[in-house]
């Protein structure tokens, strides 16, 4: 489908979704964002749903301003995927050992490594820039610096919620590795600190929603946030890169006879800010639950833990600020999912997937998400499908 345009206070709201299917609270959030004085454009992805301040599944382009709550507390959250030389025929009938080995290599939930991962010991991990990255930690907000030990030990860990590590097969039988995570607790700490700062600034006192508080250009608060924001985005990318290296090592050990090789990784943030230029104007583009989909750029759009995912290539649609959806998108809250579904439902909906099937992940049941095929179909003018994946192993936090 092409987009539907709805009127907004300052800019039109371009929607790659059927407005009739969007909950009223999310529609109100979109209207609220469109009132911001700094707003230059707003694009809505087909996986849109209610979030904090701004909807998940929206692309917010502003001139000289950025909203930290719109970026969210998991700064730099995103996806990585890589195709391997393995095929479905190489996989054993019982995948429980493989899942167990992945869980041993990559701490999940609130877990962390006993000591920081040494990237120099990881096969094929490039370390240039690593020391500089940690050196810049000294420049982040004083309020969160004491988290350094935790931040170093959480580097290369999964987290909880909808974060996952998967082994998948595509329609040709090729085996893929895929994972989803972000900047862990350090990103959350930095985000919450700066959101608190923004909400106290005088220029934000008259906003329709205090969670839309912004930092504006040429102020010390903006400079401090941009510094910490871009550092946390880099943390998230390193985190996924290290996890992928750990995952590849598991695959090498478990499939030693097959001597697996790996294609270049595909990586895509979906909670982040980028400096981009549109119509001759430099803008700060916040993708909250959206990926960049510039012409020819690869992206990852995952479904739920029982349905599958898509590798896509961007079509460079500037009406959407070169963006696409970041996943299937929730159609019910976590609490609603727990009330509606049981572990028996979870077992049924994840049949054929080696994964947790206990009450701790019922809120991640496929039924709590929008159908991924529908989400893909609604953005045919934003991306083209390169590969369709189906998970056979799914590790949840």
Protein backbone atom coordinates (compact mmCIF):
# COMPACT_ATOMS: atom_id res chain seq x y z
CA UNK A 1 0.00 0.00 0.00
CA UNK A 2 1.01 3.62 -0.35
CA UNK A 3 0.61 5.89 2.62
CA UNK A 4 -2.54 7.54 3.93
CA UNK A 5 -2.13 11.17 4.93
CA UNK A 6 -3.89 12.55 7.98
CA UNK A 7 -3.83 16.23 8.95
CA UNK A 8 -1.68 17.27 11.91
CA UNK A 9 -1.24 20.59 13.68
CA UNK A 10 2.20 21.39 12.20
CA UNK A 11 2.81 18.65 9.62
CA UNK A 12 0.72 15.99 7.87
CA UNK A 13 0.91 12.50 9.37
CA UNK A 14 1.89 9.96 6.71
CA UNK A 15 0.65 6.50 7.67
CA UNK A 16 1.69 3.16 6.18
CA UNK A 17 -1.06 1.62 8.28
CA UNK A 18 -4.84 1.55 8.29
CA UNK A 19 -5.92 4.29 10.73
CA UNK A 20 -8.99 2.21 11.61
CA UNK A 21 -6.77 -0.50 13.09
CA UNK A 22 -4.74 1.83 15.34
CA UNK A 23 -5.84 2.21 18.94
CA UNK A 24 -7.15 5.64 19.90
CA UNK A 25 -4.37 6.26 22.42
CA UNK A 26 -1.74 5.79 19.71
CA UNK A 27 -3.59 8.09 17.29
CA UNK A 28 -3.65 10.74 20.01
CA UNK A 29 0.10 10.35 20.50
CA UNK A 30 0.67 10.93 16.79
CA UNK A 31 -1.45 14.07 16.91
CA UNK A 32 0.51 15.22 19.96
CA UNK A 33 3.85 14.77 18.19
CA UNK A 34 2.51 16.75 15.22
CA UNK A 35 2.03 19.77 17.52
CA UNK A 36 5.72 20.13 18.40
CA UNK A 37 7.17 23.46 17.21
CA UNK A 38 10.30 21.78 15.86
CA UNK A 39 8.56 19.02 13.88
CA UNK A 40 9.27 18.81 10.14
CA UNK A 41 7.76 15.42 9.34
CA UNK A 42 6.10 12.37 10.83
CA UNK A 43 5.89 8.93 9.19
CA UNK A 44 3.97 6.04 10.73
CA UNK A 45 4.94 2.43 10.13
CA UNK A 46 2.49 -0.51 9.82
CA UNK A 47 3.61 -1.96 13.18
CA UNK A 48 2.61 1.23 15.02
CA UNK A 49 1.30 0.95 18.58
CA UNK A 50 1.09 2.95 21.79
CA UNK A 51 4.37 3.86 23.47
CA UNK A 52 5.76 6.31 26.01
CA UNK A 53 5.25 9.84 24.71
CA UNK A 54 5.52 8.80 21.06
CA UNK A 55 4.20 5.67 19.42
CA UNK A 56 6.41 2.70 18.71
CA UNK A 57 6.63 2.46 14.93
CA UNK A 58 7.03 6.15 14.11
CA UNK A 59 9.68 8.27 12.42
CA UNK A 60 9.96 11.79 13.82
CA UNK A 61 11.97 14.35 11.88
CA UNK A 62 12.78 17.58 13.71
CA UNK A 63 14.96 20.58 12.99
CA UNK A 64 17.25 21.64 15.82
CA UNK A 65 15.58 19.45 18.43
CA UNK A 66 15.37 15.87 19.67
CA UNK A 67 12.98 14.19 22.10
CA UNK A 68 14.79 11.72 24.42
CA UNK A 69 11.59 9.89 25.44
CA UNK A 70 10.79 9.34 21.75
CA UNK A 71 14.15 7.64 21.32
CA UNK A 72 13.23 5.53 24.32
CA UNK A 73 15.12 3.91 27.17
CA UNK A 74 16.69 1.12 25.11
CA UNK A 75 18.89 3.43 23.06
CA UNK A 76 20.24 1.78 19.93
CA UNK A 77 18.12 -1.35 20.24
CA UNK A 78 18.21 -3.25 16.98
CA UNK A 79 18.90 -6.41 15.03
CA UNK A 80 21.77 -8.36 13.51
CA UNK A 81 21.55 -11.28 11.11
CA UNK A 82 23.97 -13.40 9.12
CA UNK A 83 23.54 -16.21 6.62
CA UNK A 84 25.73 -19.26 7.18
CA UNK A 85 26.98 -21.99 4.86
CA UNK A 86 24.94 -24.54 6.82
CA UNK A 87 21.68 -25.92 5.49
CA UNK A 88 18.62 -27.35 7.20
CA UNK A 89 20.01 -30.83 6.50
CA UNK A 90 22.96 -30.07 8.79
CA UNK A 91 20.69 -29.48 11.78
CA UNK A 92 20.04 -32.31 14.24
CA UNK A 93 16.52 -33.52 14.91
CA UNK A 94 16.80 -32.51 18.58
CA UNK A 95 17.82 -28.87 18.89
CA UNK A 96 17.68 -28.67 22.68
CA UNK A 97 21.47 -29.07 23.03
CA UNK A 98 22.07 -26.21 20.59
CA UNK A 99 19.71 -23.93 22.53
CA UNK A 100 21.43 -24.86 25.78
CA UNK A 101 24.89 -24.08 24.34
CA UNK A 102 23.69 -20.67 23.11
CA UNK A 103 22.24 -19.86 26.53
CA UNK A 104 25.54 -20.84 28.15
CA UNK A 105 27.53 -18.57 25.83
CA UNK A 106 25.24 -15.52 25.93
CA UNK A 107 23.83 -14.41 29.31
CA UNK A 108 20.10 -13.68 29.15
CA UNK A 109 17.63 -11.68 31.26
CA UNK A 110 19.48 -9.62 33.85
CA UNK A 111 22.50 -11.87 33.56
CA UNK A 112 25.99 -10.65 32.71
CA UNK A 113 29.41 -12.14 32.04
CA UNK A 114 31.55 -12.99 35.08
CA UNK A 115 34.24 -10.75 33.63
CA UNK A 116 34.19 -8.42 30.60
CA UNK A 117 34.44 -10.16 27.24
CA UNK A 118 37.85 -9.68 25.63
CA UNK A 119 36.99 -8.94 21.99
CA UNK A 120 40.56 -9.69 20.98
CA UNK A 121 39.88 -13.36 21.75
CA UNK A 122 36.77 -13.55 19.57
CA UNK A 123 37.15 -15.12 16.15
CA UNK A 124 37.04 -12.47 13.44
CA UNK A 125 36.01 -9.61 15.74
CA UNK A 126 37.55 -6.33 14.64
CA UNK A 127 38.85 -4.33 17.60
CA UNK A 128 39.81 -0.98 16.01
CA UNK A 129 37.99 1.77 17.87
CA UNK A 130 37.28 -0.42 20.89
CA UNK A 131 39.64 1.41 23.27
CA UNK A 132 38.44 4.77 21.98
CA UNK A 133 34.85 3.74 22.58
CA UNK A 134 35.48 2.89 26.23
CA UNK A 135 37.66 5.97 26.60
CA UNK A 136 34.66 8.12 25.70
CA UNK A 137 32.75 6.60 28.61
CA UNK A 138 34.52 9.14 30.83
CA UNK A 139 32.58 11.84 29.02
CA UNK A 140 29.06 10.56 29.71
CA UNK A 141 26.72 11.88 32.41
CA UNK A 142 28.30 11.91 35.86
CA UNK A 143 25.09 10.49 37.31
CA UNK A 144 25.59 7.12 35.61
CA UNK A 145 29.38 6.73 35.48
CA UNK A 146 29.40 4.46 38.52
CA UNK A 147 27.66 1.85 36.34
CA UNK A 148 30.88 1.19 34.41
CA UNK A 149 31.61 -2.24 35.91
CA UNK A 150 28.08 -3.40 35.14
CA UNK A 151 28.24 -1.88 31.65
CA UNK A 152 31.45 -3.73 30.79
CA UNK A 153 30.12 -7.07 32.07
CA UNK A 154 26.78 -6.64 30.27
CA UNK A 155 28.51 -6.02 26.95
CA UNK A 156 27.68 -9.11 24.91
CA UNK A 157 24.47 -10.01 26.76
CA UNK A 158 20.89 -10.35 25.60
CA UNK A 159 18.59 -8.74 28.15
CA UNK A 160 14.92 -9.60 28.55
CA UNK A 161 11.51 -8.66 27.13
CA UNK A 162 11.31 -9.11 23.38
CA UNK A 163 15.06 -9.55 22.94
CA UNK A 164 16.08 -12.87 21.41
CA UNK A 165 18.72 -15.01 19.71
CA UNK A 166 17.50 -17.27 16.93
CA UNK A 167 18.70 -19.93 14.54
CA UNK A 168 16.52 -19.80 11.43
CA UNK A 169 16.18 -21.38 8.01
CA UNK A 170 15.09 -19.56 4.87
CA UNK A 171 12.94 -20.85 2.01
CA UNK A 172 16.02 -22.22 0.22
CA UNK A 173 17.13 -24.20 3.29
CA UNK A 174 20.02 -21.92 4.27
CA UNK A 175 20.62 -21.50 8.00
CA UNK A 176 20.69 -17.96 9.42
CA UNK A 177 21.69 -16.56 12.79
CA UNK A 178 19.71 -13.60 14.09
CA UNK A 179 19.58 -11.60 17.30
CA UNK A 180 17.81 -8.61 18.83
CA UNK A 181 19.15 -6.49 21.68
CA UNK A 182 20.20 -2.99 22.65
CA UNK A 183 22.27 -0.89 25.06
CA UNK A 184 21.32 -2.86 28.17
CA UNK A 185 21.12 -1.12 31.55
CA UNK A 186 23.63 1.63 30.74
CA UNK A 187 21.45 2.87 27.86
CA UNK A 188 18.42 2.84 30.14
CA UNK A 189 20.24 4.80 32.85
CA UNK A 190 21.44 7.42 30.39
CA UNK A 191 17.99 7.75 28.80
CA UNK A 192 16.17 8.15 32.10
CA UNK A 193 18.67 10.73 33.31
CA UNK A 194 18.31 12.90 30.21
CA UNK A 195 14.52 12.53 30.04
CA UNK A 196 14.42 13.93 33.58
CA UNK A 197 16.64 16.84 32.59
CA UNK A 198 14.52 17.66 29.52
CA UNK A 199 11.25 17.65 31.42
CA UNK A 200 12.49 20.43 33.72
CA UNK A 201 13.55 22.84 30.95
CA UNK A 202 11.43 26.00 30.63
CA UNK A 203 10.67 25.61 26.91
CA UNK A 204 9.00 22.24 27.60
CA UNK A 205 6.49 23.40 30.20
CA UNK A 206 3.63 24.10 27.78
CA UNK A 207 3.72 20.82 25.84
CA UNK A 208 0.62 18.66 25.54
CA UNK A 209 2.56 15.69 26.97
CA UNK A 210 5.54 16.02 29.32
CA UNK A 211 7.05 12.89 27.71
CA UNK A 212 7.54 14.93 24.52
CA UNK A 213 10.07 17.21 26.24
CA UNK A 214 12.93 18.06 23.86
CA UNK A 215 16.46 19.34 23.87
CA UNK A 216 17.11 22.17 21.43
CA UNK A 217 20.19 22.99 19.38
CA UNK A 218 23.05 25.10 20.71
CA UNK A 219 22.37 24.35 24.37
CA UNK A 220 24.61 22.49 26.83
CA UNK A 221 21.79 20.05 27.57
CA UNK A 222 21.50 19.12 23.89
CA UNK A 223 25.27 18.71 23.58
CA UNK A 224 25.37 16.45 26.63
CA UNK A 225 22.48 14.31 25.40
CA UNK A 226 23.87 13.94 21.89
CA UNK A 227 27.20 12.82 23.34
CA UNK A 228 25.59 10.18 25.54
CA UNK A 229 23.04 9.17 22.92
CA UNK A 230 25.60 8.44 20.22
CA UNK A 231 27.82 6.63 22.74
CA UNK A 232 24.91 4.41 23.82
CA UNK A 233 24.00 3.71 20.18
CA UNK A 234 27.56 2.55 19.64
CA UNK A 235 27.36 0.43 22.79
CA UNK A 236 24.27 -1.29 21.40
CA UNK A 237 25.99 -2.03 18.11
CA UNK A 238 29.08 -3.42 19.85
CA UNK A 239 26.82 -5.47 22.11
CA UNK A 240 25.19 -7.16 19.14
CA UNK A 241 28.51 -7.63 17.36
CA UNK A 242 30.02 -9.40 20.37
CA UNK A 243 26.93 -11.57 20.83
CA UNK A 244 27.05 -12.55 17.18
CA UNK A 245 30.73 -13.48 17.54
CA UNK A 246 29.87 -15.62 20.59
CA UNK A 247 27.01 -17.21 18.68
CA UNK A 248 29.22 -17.98 15.69
CA UNK A 249 31.71 -19.68 18.03
CA UNK A 250 28.90 -21.92 19.32
CA UNK A 251 27.98 -22.82 15.74
CA UNK A 252 31.60 -23.57 14.85
CA UNK A 253 31.93 -25.94 17.82
CA UNK A 254 28.58 -27.66 17.39
CA UNK A 255 28.95 -28.14 13.64
CA UNK A 256 32.69 -28.73 13.49
CA UNK A 257 32.48 -31.34 10.72
CA UNK A 258 30.52 -29.01 8.45
CA UNK A 259 33.13 -26.22 8.86
CA UNK A 260 30.55 -23.41 8.73
CA UNK A 261 31.36 -20.06 7.17
CA UNK A 262 29.46 -16.81 7.53
CA UNK A 263 28.43 -14.07 5.13
CA UNK A 264 28.80 -10.39 6.11
CA UNK A 265 26.48 -9.36 8.92
CA UNK A 266 23.38 -7.27 8.39
CA UNK A 267 22.86 -4.79 11.22
CA UNK A 268 20.05 -2.33 11.83
CA UNK A 269 19.24 -0.03 14.76
CA UNK A 270 15.55 0.58 15.35
CA UNK A 271 15.53 2.91 18.39
CA UNK A 272 17.91 5.70 17.49
CA UNK A 273 18.61 9.18 16.14
CA UNK A 274 20.41 9.96 12.89
CA UNK A 275 21.50 13.23 11.29
CA UNK A 276 19.96 13.26 7.81
CA UNK A 277 19.16 15.83 5.15
CA UNK A 278 15.79 16.20 3.42
CA UNK A 279 14.58 18.98 1.12
CA UNK A 280 17.76 20.94 1.73
CA UNK A 281 17.36 20.92 5.51
CA UNK A 282 19.50 19.15 8.13
CA UNK A 283 17.20 17.16 10.39
CA UNK A 284 17.48 14.95 13.43
CA UNK A 285 15.49 11.85 12.52
CA UNK A 286 14.30 9.70 15.41
CA UNK A 287 13.26 6.18 14.48
CA UNK A 288 11.30 4.75 17.40
CA UNK A 289 10.60 1.18 16.42
CA UNK A 290 11.62 1.77 12.80
CA UNK A 291 14.66 0.94 10.67
CA UNK A 292 16.47 2.93 8.03
CA UNK A 293 15.53 1.68 4.55
CA UNK A 294 17.51 3.82 2.15
CA UNK A 295 17.82 2.61 -1.44
CA UNK A 296 19.65 -0.72 -1.47
CA UNK A 297 20.20 -0.80 2.30
CA UNK A 298 19.57 -4.14 3.97
CA UNK A 299 17.26 -4.37 6.96
CA UNK A 300 15.68 -6.93 9.27
CA UNK A 301 11.97 -7.07 10.12
CA UNK A 302 11.28 -9.81 12.66
CA UNK A 303 7.96 -11.38 13.49
CA UNK A 304 7.10 -13.08 16.79
CA UNK A 305 8.84 -16.10 18.31
CA UNK A 306 6.73 -18.57 16.38
CA UNK A 307 6.07 -16.97 13.01
CA UNK A 308 9.28 -15.96 11.25
CA UNK A 309 11.09 -12.87 10.00
CA UNK A 310 12.13 -11.05 6.84
CA UNK A 311 15.41 -9.80 5.44
CA UNK A 312 14.59 -6.76 3.30
CA UNK A 313 16.24 -4.22 1.05
CA UNK A 314 15.22 -0.57 1.27
CA UNK A 315 13.60 1.27 -1.64
CA UNK A 316 14.64 4.73 -0.45
CA UNK A 317 11.18 6.25 -0.02
CA UNK A 318 11.81 9.81 1.17
CA UNK A 319 8.14 10.31 2.06
CA UNK A 320 8.87 7.87 4.89
CA UNK A 321 12.29 9.44 5.55
CA UNK A 322 13.91 6.30 4.09
CA UNK A 323 12.38 4.12 6.80
CA UNK A 324 10.45 0.88 7.33
CA UNK A 325 8.91 -1.02 10.22
CA UNK A 326 11.06 -2.72 12.85
CA UNK A 327 8.91 -5.80 13.32
CA UNK A 328 5.40 -7.15 13.60
CA UNK A 329 4.44 -4.77 16.40
CA UNK A 330 2.35 -5.67 19.43
CA UNK A 331 -1.43 -5.76 19.12
CA UNK A 332 -1.94 -6.21 22.85
CA UNK A 333 -0.01 -5.24 25.95
CA UNK A 334 2.10 -7.70 27.93
CA UNK A 335 -0.43 -7.78 30.76
CA UNK A 336 -3.30 -8.34 28.32
CA UNK A 337 -1.40 -11.22 26.74
CA UNK A 338 -0.83 -12.83 30.14
CA UNK A 339 -4.52 -12.54 30.94
CA UNK A 340 -5.64 -13.99 27.62
CA UNK A 341 -3.13 -16.76 26.93
CA UNK A 342 -1.83 -19.82 28.79
CA UNK A 343 1.33 -21.89 28.54
CA UNK A 344 -0.73 -24.42 26.56
CA UNK A 345 -1.48 -21.68 24.02
CA UNK A 346 2.22 -20.85 23.92
CA UNK A 347 3.14 -24.49 23.26
CA UNK A 348 0.64 -24.64 20.42
CA UNK A 349 1.71 -21.37 18.81
CA UNK A 350 5.44 -22.21 18.99
CA UNK A 351 5.10 -25.80 17.80
CA UNK A 352 8.25 -26.85 15.94
CA UNK A 353 10.43 -24.18 17.59
CA UNK A 354 12.99 -25.14 20.23
CA UNK A 355 12.33 -22.42 22.82
CA UNK A 356 11.07 -21.67 26.31
CA UNK A 357 7.39 -22.52 26.67
CA UNK A 358 6.86 -21.49 30.30
CA UNK A 359 4.75 -18.77 31.94
CA UNK A 360 7.70 -16.37 31.97
CA UNK A 361 7.42 -15.80 28.21
CA UNK A 362 3.65 -16.00 27.68
CA UNK A 363 3.65 -12.23 27.12
CA UNK A 364 5.80 -12.88 24.02
CA UNK A 365 3.34 -15.36 22.50
CA UNK A 366 2.82 -14.92 18.74
CA UNK A 367 -0.85 -14.09 19.29
CA UNK A 368 0.15 -10.88 21.07
CA UNK A 369 1.69 -9.55 17.84
CA UNK A 370 0.32 -8.35 14.53
CA UNK A 371 0.61 -10.79 11.60
CA UNK A 372 4.07 -10.21 10.11
CA UNK A 373 2.91 -10.95 6.54
CA UNK A 374 0.33 -8.16 6.79
CA UNK A 375 2.94 -5.76 8.15
CA UNK A 376 5.26 -6.55 5.23
CA UNK A 377 2.46 -6.17 2.70
CA UNK A 378 1.62 -2.69 3.98
CA UNK A 379 5.11 -1.38 3.17
CA UNK A 380 5.76 -2.72 -0.31
CA UNK A 381 6.72 0.81 -1.38
CA UNK A 382 9.29 1.02 1.43
CA UNK A 383 11.15 -2.30 1.12
CA UNK A 384 11.49 -5.38 -1.04
CA UNK A 385 11.78 -8.84 0.51
CA UNK A 386 15.15 -10.55 0.10
CA UNK A 387 14.59 -13.62 2.27
CA UNK A 388 11.90 -15.07 4.49
CA UNK A 389 13.17 -16.80 7.61
CA UNK A 390 11.55 -19.26 10.02
CA UNK A 391 13.11 -19.83 13.41
CA UNK A 392 13.94 -23.34 14.59
CA UNK A 393 15.65 -22.23 17.81
CA UNK A 394 14.62 -19.17 19.80
CA UNK A 395 16.43 -18.05 22.96
CA UNK A 396 14.48 -15.52 25.04
CA UNK A 397 15.71 -13.37 27.92
